[in-house]
Every structure is written in C-alpha cells, then in structure tokens.
N, C-alpha and C. Protein backbone atom coordinates (compact mmCIF):
# COMPACT_ATOMS: atom_id res chain seq x y z
N MET A 1 -19.25 2.82 -15.14
CA MET A 1 -17.89 3.22 -14.88
C MET A 1 -16.94 2.34 -15.67
N LYS A 2 -15.99 2.95 -16.36
CA LYS A 2 -15.03 2.22 -17.16
C LYS A 2 -13.87 1.73 -16.29
N ALA A 3 -13.46 0.48 -16.49
CA ALA A 3 -12.35 -0.07 -15.71
C ALA A 3 -11.05 0.57 -16.13
N SER A 4 -10.19 0.81 -15.16
CA SER A 4 -8.88 1.40 -15.42
C SER A 4 -7.95 0.34 -15.99
N PRO A 5 -7.08 0.71 -16.96
CA PRO A 5 -6.10 -0.26 -17.45
C PRO A 5 -4.93 -0.43 -16.49
N PHE A 6 -4.91 0.34 -15.42
CA PHE A 6 -3.82 0.28 -14.46
C PHE A 6 -4.25 -0.47 -13.21
N ALA A 7 -3.36 -1.32 -12.70
CA ALA A 7 -3.62 -2.02 -11.45
C ALA A 7 -3.71 -0.99 -10.32
N PRO A 8 -4.58 -1.22 -9.37
CA PRO A 8 -4.76 -0.23 -8.30
C PRO A 8 -3.56 -0.16 -7.36
N ILE A 9 -3.52 0.92 -6.65
CA ILE A 9 -2.60 1.09 -5.51
C ILE A 9 -3.46 0.84 -4.28
N LEU A 10 -3.01 -0.05 -3.41
CA LEU A 10 -3.76 -0.32 -2.19
C LEU A 10 -3.13 0.43 -1.03
N ILE A 11 -3.92 1.22 -0.36
CA ILE A 11 -3.49 1.90 0.86
C ILE A 11 -4.22 1.22 2.02
N VAL A 12 -3.44 0.72 2.96
CA VAL A 12 -4.02 0.10 4.16
C VAL A 12 -3.74 1.04 5.32
N ASP A 13 -4.76 1.77 5.72
CA ASP A 13 -4.59 2.80 6.75
C ASP A 13 -5.93 3.05 7.41
N ASP A 14 -5.94 3.04 8.74
CA ASP A 14 -7.19 3.27 9.46
C ASP A 14 -7.55 4.75 9.58
N ASN A 15 -6.63 5.63 9.26
CA ASN A 15 -6.86 7.06 9.42
C ASN A 15 -7.41 7.66 8.12
N ALA A 16 -8.67 8.10 8.16
CA ALA A 16 -9.31 8.63 6.96
C ALA A 16 -8.63 9.90 6.45
N GLU A 17 -8.14 10.73 7.36
CA GLU A 17 -7.45 11.96 6.94
C GLU A 17 -6.14 11.62 6.22
N ASP A 18 -5.41 10.65 6.73
CA ASP A 18 -4.18 10.24 6.05
C ASP A 18 -4.49 9.70 4.66
N PHE A 19 -5.55 8.90 4.55
CA PHE A 19 -5.92 8.36 3.24
C PHE A 19 -6.29 9.49 2.28
N THR A 20 -7.05 10.46 2.75
CA THR A 20 -7.44 11.58 1.89
C THR A 20 -6.20 12.33 1.40
N ALA A 21 -5.26 12.58 2.30
CA ALA A 21 -4.03 13.27 1.91
C ALA A 21 -3.21 12.44 0.93
N LEU A 22 -3.11 11.15 1.18
CA LEU A 22 -2.37 10.27 0.26
C LEU A 22 -3.02 10.24 -1.12
N ASN A 23 -4.32 10.09 -1.14
CA ASN A 23 -5.05 10.05 -2.41
C ASN A 23 -4.84 11.35 -3.18
N ARG A 24 -4.91 12.46 -2.48
CA ARG A 24 -4.68 13.76 -3.12
C ARG A 24 -3.24 13.87 -3.64
N ALA A 25 -2.29 13.38 -2.86
CA ALA A 25 -0.89 13.44 -3.28
C ALA A 25 -0.65 12.58 -4.54
N PHE A 26 -1.31 11.44 -4.63
CA PHE A 26 -1.18 10.63 -5.85
C PHE A 26 -1.76 11.39 -7.04
N ARG A 27 -2.92 12.02 -6.85
CA ARG A 27 -3.53 12.80 -7.95
C ARG A 27 -2.62 13.96 -8.35
N LYS A 28 -2.05 14.65 -7.38
CA LYS A 28 -1.15 15.78 -7.66
C LYS A 28 0.07 15.33 -8.46
N ASN A 29 0.46 14.07 -8.28
CA ASN A 29 1.60 13.53 -9.01
C ASN A 29 1.19 12.84 -10.30
N ASP A 30 -0.04 13.08 -10.74
CA ASP A 30 -0.56 12.55 -12.00
C ASP A 30 -0.49 11.03 -12.10
N VAL A 31 -0.68 10.37 -10.98
CA VAL A 31 -0.71 8.91 -10.97
C VAL A 31 -2.07 8.47 -11.49
N ARG A 32 -2.06 7.65 -12.52
CA ARG A 32 -3.31 7.23 -13.16
C ARG A 32 -3.89 5.93 -12.58
N HIS A 33 -3.14 5.29 -11.74
CA HIS A 33 -3.63 4.07 -11.09
C HIS A 33 -4.74 4.44 -10.11
N PRO A 34 -5.81 3.68 -10.10
CA PRO A 34 -6.84 3.94 -9.07
C PRO A 34 -6.27 3.63 -7.68
N VAL A 35 -6.74 4.38 -6.72
CA VAL A 35 -6.29 4.19 -5.34
C VAL A 35 -7.43 3.56 -4.56
N VAL A 36 -7.13 2.43 -3.92
CA VAL A 36 -8.11 1.67 -3.15
C VAL A 36 -7.67 1.71 -1.69
N ARG A 37 -8.64 1.82 -0.79
CA ARG A 37 -8.30 1.85 0.63
C ARG A 37 -8.92 0.66 1.36
N CYS A 38 -8.13 0.06 2.22
CA CYS A 38 -8.64 -0.86 3.23
C CYS A 38 -8.39 -0.19 4.58
N GLU A 39 -9.38 -0.22 5.43
CA GLU A 39 -9.32 0.54 6.68
C GLU A 39 -8.57 -0.15 7.81
N ASP A 40 -8.26 -1.40 7.64
CA ASP A 40 -7.48 -2.10 8.66
C ASP A 40 -6.87 -3.36 8.06
N GLY A 41 -6.10 -4.04 8.88
CA GLY A 41 -5.41 -5.22 8.39
C GLY A 41 -6.35 -6.36 8.01
N ASP A 42 -7.40 -6.52 8.76
CA ASP A 42 -8.35 -7.59 8.45
C ASP A 42 -9.01 -7.37 7.10
N GLN A 43 -9.42 -6.13 6.85
CA GLN A 43 -10.04 -5.83 5.56
C GLN A 43 -9.02 -6.00 4.42
N ALA A 44 -7.77 -5.62 4.67
CA ALA A 44 -6.73 -5.76 3.64
C ALA A 44 -6.53 -7.23 3.27
N LEU A 45 -6.47 -8.09 4.28
CA LEU A 45 -6.28 -9.52 3.99
C LEU A 45 -7.49 -10.09 3.27
N GLU A 46 -8.67 -9.66 3.68
CA GLU A 46 -9.89 -10.11 3.01
C GLU A 46 -9.87 -9.71 1.54
N TYR A 47 -9.48 -8.46 1.29
CA TYR A 47 -9.40 -7.97 -0.10
C TYR A 47 -8.34 -8.73 -0.88
N LEU A 48 -7.13 -8.83 -0.32
CA LEU A 48 -6.02 -9.42 -1.06
C LEU A 48 -6.19 -10.92 -1.29
N GLN A 49 -6.78 -11.61 -0.34
CA GLN A 49 -6.97 -13.05 -0.50
C GLN A 49 -8.25 -13.39 -1.27
N GLY A 50 -9.10 -12.39 -1.45
CA GLY A 50 -10.35 -12.65 -2.16
C GLY A 50 -10.65 -11.59 -3.20
N TYR A 51 -9.58 -10.99 -3.77
CA TYR A 51 -9.78 -9.91 -4.72
C TYR A 51 -10.74 -10.33 -5.83
N GLY A 52 -11.55 -9.39 -6.23
CA GLY A 52 -12.49 -9.65 -7.29
C GLY A 52 -13.82 -10.22 -6.82
N ARG A 53 -13.87 -10.71 -5.59
CA ARG A 53 -15.12 -11.32 -5.11
C ARG A 53 -16.11 -10.28 -4.61
N HIS A 54 -15.61 -9.20 -4.07
CA HIS A 54 -16.48 -8.15 -3.56
C HIS A 54 -16.82 -7.20 -4.72
N PRO A 55 -18.09 -6.88 -4.92
CA PRO A 55 -18.46 -6.06 -6.07
C PRO A 55 -17.79 -4.69 -6.12
N ALA A 56 -17.41 -4.14 -4.99
CA ALA A 56 -16.80 -2.81 -4.99
C ALA A 56 -15.28 -2.85 -5.14
N TRP A 57 -14.70 -4.03 -5.18
CA TRP A 57 -13.25 -4.12 -5.25
C TRP A 57 -12.80 -4.47 -6.67
N PRO A 58 -11.61 -3.97 -7.04
CA PRO A 58 -11.09 -4.30 -8.38
C PRO A 58 -10.85 -5.79 -8.55
N SER A 59 -10.92 -6.24 -9.78
CA SER A 59 -10.74 -7.66 -10.06
C SER A 59 -9.28 -8.03 -10.29
N VAL A 60 -8.39 -7.08 -10.08
CA VAL A 60 -6.96 -7.35 -10.21
C VAL A 60 -6.27 -7.01 -8.89
N LEU A 61 -5.16 -7.65 -8.66
CA LEU A 61 -4.37 -7.35 -7.46
C LEU A 61 -3.69 -6.00 -7.61
N PRO A 62 -3.37 -5.36 -6.50
CA PRO A 62 -2.73 -4.04 -6.59
C PRO A 62 -1.30 -4.12 -7.12
N SER A 63 -0.85 -3.02 -7.70
CA SER A 63 0.53 -2.94 -8.20
C SER A 63 1.49 -2.75 -7.03
N ILE A 64 1.10 -1.96 -6.06
CA ILE A 64 1.88 -1.75 -4.85
C ILE A 64 0.92 -1.61 -3.66
N ILE A 65 1.46 -1.83 -2.49
CA ILE A 65 0.68 -1.68 -1.25
C ILE A 65 1.41 -0.71 -0.34
N LEU A 66 0.72 0.32 0.11
CA LEU A 66 1.22 1.20 1.16
C LEU A 66 0.56 0.75 2.45
N LEU A 67 1.36 0.30 3.39
CA LEU A 67 0.86 -0.35 4.59
C LEU A 67 1.22 0.42 5.84
N ASP A 68 0.21 0.84 6.58
CA ASP A 68 0.44 1.46 7.88
C ASP A 68 0.71 0.34 8.89
N LEU A 69 1.43 0.66 9.94
CA LEU A 69 1.74 -0.37 10.93
C LEU A 69 0.73 -0.46 12.05
N ASN A 70 0.39 0.68 12.61
CA ASN A 70 -0.44 0.69 13.81
C ASN A 70 -1.91 0.87 13.45
N MET A 71 -2.62 -0.25 13.46
CA MET A 71 -4.04 -0.24 13.13
C MET A 71 -4.77 -1.13 14.12
N PRO A 72 -6.05 -0.87 14.32
CA PRO A 72 -6.81 -1.76 15.18
C PRO A 72 -6.96 -3.15 14.53
N GLY A 73 -7.14 -4.17 15.35
CA GLY A 73 -7.27 -5.52 14.80
C GLY A 73 -5.91 -6.03 14.36
N THR A 74 -5.88 -6.67 13.22
CA THR A 74 -4.63 -7.19 12.68
C THR A 74 -3.74 -6.01 12.28
N ASP A 75 -2.56 -5.93 12.88
CA ASP A 75 -1.70 -4.76 12.61
C ASP A 75 -0.87 -4.97 11.34
N GLY A 76 -0.13 -3.93 10.98
CA GLY A 76 0.62 -3.95 9.74
C GLY A 76 1.66 -5.06 9.68
N GLN A 77 2.35 -5.31 10.78
CA GLN A 77 3.37 -6.37 10.75
C GLN A 77 2.74 -7.74 10.52
N ALA A 78 1.59 -7.98 11.11
CA ALA A 78 0.91 -9.26 10.89
C ALA A 78 0.46 -9.39 9.44
N VAL A 79 -0.06 -8.29 8.88
CA VAL A 79 -0.46 -8.30 7.46
C VAL A 79 0.75 -8.59 6.59
N LEU A 80 1.84 -7.91 6.87
CA LEU A 80 3.07 -8.10 6.09
C LEU A 80 3.54 -9.56 6.15
N SER A 81 3.49 -10.13 7.32
CA SER A 81 3.91 -11.52 7.48
C SER A 81 3.04 -12.47 6.64
N VAL A 82 1.73 -12.25 6.67
CA VAL A 82 0.83 -13.10 5.88
C VAL A 82 1.12 -12.94 4.39
N LEU A 83 1.28 -11.69 3.96
CA LEU A 83 1.51 -11.44 2.52
C LEU A 83 2.79 -12.10 2.04
N LYS A 84 3.85 -11.98 2.83
CA LYS A 84 5.14 -12.49 2.37
C LYS A 84 5.27 -14.01 2.52
N HIS A 85 4.29 -14.65 3.11
CA HIS A 85 4.25 -16.12 3.16
C HIS A 85 3.26 -16.70 2.14
N ASP A 86 2.61 -15.86 1.37
CA ASP A 86 1.64 -16.30 0.37
C ASP A 86 2.34 -16.34 -1.00
N ALA A 87 2.24 -17.47 -1.66
CA ALA A 87 2.96 -17.67 -2.93
C ALA A 87 2.61 -16.64 -3.99
N VAL A 88 1.39 -16.15 -4.02
CA VAL A 88 0.98 -15.16 -5.04
C VAL A 88 1.20 -13.74 -4.53
N LEU A 89 0.77 -13.47 -3.33
CA LEU A 89 0.78 -12.11 -2.80
C LEU A 89 2.18 -11.60 -2.48
N ARG A 90 3.13 -12.50 -2.24
CA ARG A 90 4.48 -12.07 -1.86
C ARG A 90 5.18 -11.25 -2.94
N THR A 91 4.71 -11.35 -4.17
CA THR A 91 5.38 -10.62 -5.26
C THR A 91 4.94 -9.15 -5.35
N ILE A 92 3.91 -8.78 -4.64
CA ILE A 92 3.45 -7.39 -4.66
C ILE A 92 4.35 -6.56 -3.73
N PRO A 93 4.96 -5.49 -4.26
CA PRO A 93 5.79 -4.67 -3.38
C PRO A 93 4.97 -4.05 -2.25
N VAL A 94 5.47 -4.22 -1.04
CA VAL A 94 4.84 -3.64 0.14
C VAL A 94 5.75 -2.54 0.68
N ILE A 95 5.22 -1.35 0.69
CA ILE A 95 5.93 -0.19 1.21
C ILE A 95 5.30 0.15 2.55
N VAL A 96 6.04 -0.08 3.61
CA VAL A 96 5.52 0.28 4.92
C VAL A 96 5.58 1.80 5.00
N PHE A 97 4.43 2.41 5.25
CA PHE A 97 4.31 3.87 5.26
C PHE A 97 3.64 4.25 6.56
N THR A 98 4.45 4.67 7.51
CA THR A 98 3.96 4.80 8.88
C THR A 98 4.61 5.98 9.59
N THR A 99 4.06 6.35 10.72
CA THR A 99 4.65 7.43 11.51
C THR A 99 5.80 6.94 12.38
N SER A 100 5.91 5.64 12.57
CA SER A 100 6.94 5.10 13.44
C SER A 100 8.32 5.12 12.78
N ALA A 101 9.28 5.72 13.50
CA ALA A 101 10.68 5.66 13.07
C ALA A 101 11.47 4.79 14.03
N ASN A 102 10.77 3.96 14.76
CA ASN A 102 11.39 3.07 15.75
C ASN A 102 12.25 2.04 15.03
N ILE A 103 13.50 1.96 15.42
CA ILE A 103 14.44 1.06 14.75
C ILE A 103 14.00 -0.40 14.84
N ARG A 104 13.31 -0.77 15.91
CA ARG A 104 12.81 -2.15 16.02
C ARG A 104 11.71 -2.42 14.99
N ASP A 105 10.82 -1.43 14.78
CA ASP A 105 9.79 -1.59 13.75
C ASP A 105 10.42 -1.72 12.37
N ILE A 106 11.40 -0.87 12.11
CA ILE A 106 12.08 -0.90 10.80
C ILE A 106 12.74 -2.27 10.59
N ALA A 107 13.50 -2.71 11.57
CA ALA A 107 14.20 -4.00 11.45
C ALA A 107 13.20 -5.15 11.27
N GLU A 108 12.14 -5.15 12.06
CA GLU A 108 11.16 -6.24 11.98
C GLU A 108 10.45 -6.26 10.62
N CYS A 109 10.12 -5.09 10.12
CA CYS A 109 9.44 -5.04 8.81
C CYS A 109 10.33 -5.56 7.69
N TYR A 110 11.61 -5.19 7.73
CA TYR A 110 12.50 -5.73 6.70
C TYR A 110 12.70 -7.24 6.90
N ARG A 111 12.75 -7.68 8.15
CA ARG A 111 12.88 -9.13 8.41
C ARG A 111 11.67 -9.88 7.85
N LEU A 112 10.50 -9.24 7.95
CA LEU A 112 9.27 -9.88 7.46
C LEU A 112 9.13 -9.80 5.93
N GLY A 113 9.97 -9.00 5.29
CA GLY A 113 9.94 -8.96 3.83
C GLY A 113 9.45 -7.66 3.21
N ALA A 114 9.37 -6.58 3.99
CA ALA A 114 8.97 -5.30 3.41
C ALA A 114 9.92 -4.92 2.29
N ASN A 115 9.38 -4.34 1.24
CA ASN A 115 10.20 -3.91 0.12
C ASN A 115 10.78 -2.51 0.35
N SER A 116 10.13 -1.76 1.22
CA SER A 116 10.61 -0.42 1.55
C SER A 116 9.95 0.00 2.85
N TYR A 117 10.59 0.93 3.54
CA TYR A 117 10.04 1.44 4.80
C TYR A 117 10.21 2.95 4.77
N LEU A 118 9.12 3.66 4.81
CA LEU A 118 9.15 5.13 4.76
C LEU A 118 8.31 5.69 5.90
N THR A 119 8.79 6.78 6.48
CA THR A 119 8.00 7.44 7.51
C THR A 119 7.12 8.49 6.86
N LYS A 120 5.92 8.63 7.41
CA LYS A 120 4.98 9.63 6.90
C LYS A 120 5.43 11.01 7.36
N PRO A 121 5.59 11.92 6.41
CA PRO A 121 5.91 13.29 6.83
C PRO A 121 4.67 13.97 7.41
N ILE A 122 4.89 14.93 8.27
CA ILE A 122 3.78 15.66 8.86
C ILE A 122 3.23 16.71 7.92
N GLU A 123 4.12 17.39 7.22
CA GLU A 123 3.70 18.47 6.33
C GLU A 123 3.25 17.92 4.98
N TYR A 124 2.15 18.47 4.45
CA TYR A 124 1.57 17.95 3.23
C TYR A 124 2.53 18.04 2.04
N HIS A 125 3.25 19.17 1.90
CA HIS A 125 4.13 19.30 0.74
C HIS A 125 5.22 18.22 0.75
N MET A 126 5.65 17.80 1.94
CA MET A 126 6.64 16.73 2.02
C MET A 126 6.01 15.38 1.69
N LEU A 127 4.75 15.21 2.09
CA LEU A 127 4.02 13.99 1.74
C LEU A 127 3.88 13.89 0.22
N GLU A 128 3.50 14.98 -0.40
CA GLU A 128 3.34 15.01 -1.85
C GLU A 128 4.66 14.66 -2.55
N GLU A 129 5.76 15.20 -2.03
CA GLU A 129 7.07 14.90 -2.61
C GLU A 129 7.42 13.42 -2.43
N LYS A 130 7.14 12.88 -1.27
CA LYS A 130 7.46 11.47 -1.01
C LYS A 130 6.60 10.55 -1.88
N ILE A 131 5.34 10.89 -2.04
CA ILE A 131 4.47 10.10 -2.91
C ILE A 131 4.96 10.17 -4.35
N GLY A 132 5.45 11.34 -4.76
CA GLY A 132 6.02 11.47 -6.10
C GLY A 132 7.21 10.53 -6.28
N LEU A 133 8.05 10.44 -5.27
CA LEU A 133 9.20 9.53 -5.34
C LEU A 133 8.74 8.07 -5.43
N ILE A 134 7.75 7.72 -4.62
CA ILE A 134 7.20 6.36 -4.66
C ILE A 134 6.65 6.06 -6.05
N ALA A 135 5.88 6.99 -6.58
CA ALA A 135 5.26 6.77 -7.90
C ALA A 135 6.32 6.64 -8.99
N ARG A 136 7.30 7.51 -8.98
CA ARG A 136 8.33 7.45 -10.03
C ARG A 136 9.14 6.15 -9.93
N TYR A 137 9.47 5.74 -8.71
CA TYR A 137 10.27 4.54 -8.57
C TYR A 137 9.44 3.27 -8.82
N TRP A 138 8.37 3.10 -8.06
CA TRP A 138 7.64 1.83 -8.10
C TRP A 138 6.72 1.71 -9.30
N LEU A 139 6.13 2.79 -9.76
CA LEU A 139 5.15 2.70 -10.86
C LEU A 139 5.74 3.05 -12.22
N ASP A 140 6.74 3.94 -12.25
CA ASP A 140 7.28 4.38 -13.54
C ASP A 140 8.60 3.72 -13.90
N SER A 141 9.41 3.35 -12.92
CA SER A 141 10.76 2.86 -13.20
C SER A 141 10.93 1.36 -13.00
N SER A 142 10.26 0.81 -12.03
CA SER A 142 10.44 -0.60 -11.70
C SER A 142 9.64 -1.49 -12.65
N GLU A 143 10.21 -2.64 -12.95
CA GLU A 143 9.47 -3.68 -13.67
C GLU A 143 8.82 -4.55 -12.59
N LEU A 144 7.53 -4.46 -12.46
CA LEU A 144 6.82 -5.19 -11.41
C LEU A 144 6.48 -6.60 -11.87
N TYR A 145 6.44 -7.50 -10.93
CA TYR A 145 6.07 -8.88 -11.20
C TYR A 145 4.61 -8.89 -11.68
N PRO A 146 4.33 -9.55 -12.79
CA PRO A 146 2.95 -9.54 -13.30
C PRO A 146 2.04 -10.47 -12.52
N VAL A 147 1.23 -9.92 -11.64
CA VAL A 147 0.26 -10.72 -10.89
C VAL A 147 -1.15 -10.36 -11.33
N SER A 148 -2.05 -11.21 -11.13
CA SER A 148 -3.50 -10.99 -11.33
C SER A 148 -4.22 -12.27 -11.49
C-alpha cells in the first residue's frame, strides 16, 4: 500500500454507522486525505500521543480531528482538554462534531480550546453538505500549523 501525501483526518466516534456516513461524505466531497477512526477517547489519546508506533496507524499526525463528545470511557471533553494542554497536539484543529446542541457543552468545548463546534445533522444529504464545508474551510482554505 502506498502512503498518502496527505495527513489523515482523525474521526473520534464510538458509533460505527456515524463513522461510515462520515467517511462516505468525505469521499463524496473528493477529499483525498485518508480518514482514520478511533472508537473512543482512550484510543484517540493512545493514537495521538503515540502516533506512528502502532503498525496500522499513520506515521504523521492528523490534519484535523472530528471529535464526538459522548463516548464510553474518556469522553470528548476530556480528550479535548488533554489535546489543548499538549505542546504539540494543541496545534491540530479540533472540530467537535456531536449530536449535542446543549449550550453548556458548546461553552465548555470552546473554553477547553475547541476550534469549532458543529452538530451532526440527522439527514445524510445535510451531513454531506456539512462535511463539504469542513473540507473546504479546514483542508482547502486554511493554512494549518505544520505538525508531524
């Protein structure tokens, strides 16, 4: 398998159906970055703090992280807090992508350093549109901090 020249997109989500839909939406939007999934917060921290050590994981840090909030084990807010206190990992844009529209969750995530907070749409065509917006803004328009 040939390595991609693009840094991966990390999706941290315990729901396999949501990941499948997100992955499909990225493909529909012609995103060439590989999409990597961590199934919970613990796995995400293991990946991000030890990237490249696991044979199945990319040897570069992700370009962006889509982070669900409500997961078993270490939840999204705890992951966000760890990331934004890490000198290297804090530069990776974290987009909280969750079903919660609770104003307390939104406020807390921004307080912890989230770069964006988006609610997951229920309908697939709206998800595809939202992923297109994320891709155009974060991957095509923004100058990302060079990490790796």
